[in-house]
Protein backbone atom coordinates (compact mmCIF):
# COMPACT_ATOMS: atom_id res chain seq x y z
CA UNK A 1 -76.41 5.00 2.37
CA UNK A 2 -72.72 6.64 2.24
CA UNK A 3 -72.37 10.35 2.37
CA UNK A 4 -70.29 12.11 -0.67
CA UNK A 5 -68.79 15.57 -0.25
CA UNK A 6 -66.69 17.11 -2.60
CA UNK A 7 -63.52 18.16 -1.67
CA UNK A 8 -60.53 19.65 -3.46
CA UNK A 9 -56.88 17.87 -1.86
CA UNK A 10 -54.63 20.47 -0.25
CA UNK A 11 -52.05 20.54 -2.63
CA UNK A 12 -54.31 21.57 -5.46
CA UNK A 13 -55.33 24.42 -3.32
CA UNK A 14 -51.85 25.33 -2.48
CA UNK A 15 -50.52 25.13 -6.32
CA UNK A 16 -53.80 26.93 -7.62
CA UNK A 17 -53.61 29.79 -5.19
CA UNK A 18 -49.69 30.16 -4.69
CA UNK A 19 -48.67 33.86 -4.31
CA UNK A 20 -52.33 35.06 -3.59
CA UNK A 21 -52.94 37.90 -1.36
CA UNK A 22 -55.16 36.44 1.60
CA UNK A 23 -58.66 37.75 1.49
CA UNK A 24 -59.58 40.92 3.99
CA UNK A 25 -61.78 39.29 6.65
CA UNK A 26 -64.27 41.00 9.16
CA UNK A 27 -64.66 39.60 12.00
CA UNK A 28 -65.65 40.32 15.74
CA UNK A 29 -64.32 39.42 19.17
CA UNK A 30 -67.54 37.19 19.80
CA UNK A 31 -66.90 35.53 16.75
CA UNK A 32 -66.47 31.55 17.01
CA UNK A 33 -62.73 30.54 16.10
CA UNK A 34 -62.07 26.69 17.10
CA UNK A 35 -64.54 23.88 17.27
CA UNK A 36 -62.81 21.57 20.09
CA UNK A 37 -65.28 17.56 19.24
CA UNK A 38 -65.85 15.76 22.11
CA UNK A 39 -65.11 12.48 22.39
CA UNK A 40 -69.08 11.82 23.71
CA UNK A 41 -68.24 9.55 26.65
CA UNK A 42 -71.18 11.25 28.60
CA UNK A 43 -73.44 11.07 25.50
CA UNK A 44 -73.71 11.97 21.71
CA UNK A 45 -70.34 13.40 20.28
CA UNK A 46 -70.89 17.07 20.35
CA UNK A 47 -68.17 20.42 19.42
CA UNK A 48 -67.80 23.10 21.72
CA UNK A 49 -66.98 26.42 20.50
CA UNK A 50 -64.16 29.20 21.04
CA UNK A 51 -64.90 32.64 20.76
CA UNK A 52 -61.27 34.78 19.56
CA UNK A 53 -62.49 36.26 22.61
CA UNK A 54 -62.32 33.44 25.10
CA UNK A 55 -58.88 31.98 23.10
CA UNK A 56 -57.54 35.60 23.98
CA UNK A 57 -58.80 35.79 27.78
CA UNK A 58 -57.34 32.10 28.63
CA UNK A 59 -53.89 33.15 26.74
CA UNK A 60 -53.93 36.38 28.91
CA UNK A 61 -54.71 34.31 32.25
CA UNK A 62 -52.23 31.78 31.58
CA UNK A 63 -49.31 34.55 31.24
CA UNK A 64 -50.68 36.21 34.38
CA UNK A 65 -50.02 33.04 36.28
CA UNK A 66 -46.77 32.58 34.92
CA UNK A 67 -47.57 29.46 32.98
CA UNK A 68 -47.85 29.87 28.99
CA UNK A 69 -48.25 27.24 26.91
CA UNK A 70 -45.64 25.43 25.28
CA UNK A 71 -46.03 26.80 21.71
CA UNK A 72 -45.43 30.45 23.34
CA UNK A 73 -42.79 29.65 25.35
CA UNK A 74 -40.81 28.01 22.73
CA UNK A 75 -41.42 31.51 20.87
CA UNK A 76 -40.50 33.25 23.31
CA UNK A 77 -37.22 31.28 23.72
CA UNK A 78 -36.23 31.28 19.77
CA UNK A 79 -37.83 34.31 18.57
CA UNK A 80 -37.58 36.93 21.19
CA UNK A 81 -41.65 37.38 21.13
CA UNK A 82 -43.31 39.21 23.80
CA UNK A 83 -46.71 38.48 25.28
CA UNK A 84 -48.73 40.33 26.20
CA UNK A 85 -47.59 42.49 23.20
CA UNK A 86 -45.98 46.07 24.86
CA UNK A 87 -48.65 48.53 24.52
CA UNK A 88 -51.51 46.67 24.88
């Protein structure tokens, strides 16, 4: 039995909502921010959840160790972005 899921092409959404303001979203530090899917090499494939707090904690740890991720190094180089932000 094939599953069918309703979908809307991204191009249609971009066209339909062009110029619209993003909605206000309330979030908490421990709310889920990402899902990373594993290949299931040790069993069944599964998703690992990361919270906003966990992601920021990892970024700050990399910065304190002197190893910012590549995308952040590039942003610092090209835009002069400071991480962590001053005043934090």
